[in-house]
Amino acid sequence: MYLRFVRQTSMPGARSREGFFVAAYELSRNTNLDETTYNHVTELLVWFGGNLAAPKKFSRTTSKGHYRRMDTPGLSWFKPSAQLHVKKAFELKALLDEHGHAIEVLKARRPGYVVFEDRHQIVAEPFADDHWFA
């Protein structure tokens, strides 16, 4: 199963919800955060920054016009084989949950049309009838 970690907030201009890294960066910028939590969230973000590539593509389109400027529909998912990444993601989820950021884990066998793939993740445009999408 592919896994996606999301919070309830919808992405601007899209039907899907924001990924948990948005919440993690918000937490890391919280000026009222205790030092232990700040260090933990920062350590996890640095780990992901060094061990998870930023996807190079989020859409099937090759348009250089209007569609390129719109929010892209592709969503990032951890691959089933990315066990260490998933373990770290659950660690980050627990930290976020503890600090008021409710994170849900979505699971999918076929998350959509794959537009980017590396060893640890895929980016997929959701199929139109996906029930988990909203």
Foldseek 3Di string as FASTA:
>chain_A
DWKFKFFPDCDPPDQAGDGCVVLLVVVLPPPPDDPVLNVLSVVLVVVCVVVPDDWPDQAPDPDPDDVVPHDGQWDKIWDPPQVVNVVSVVVSQVSSVVVPGHMDMDDDPDQAQWPTDDPTMTIHRGDPPDPNGD
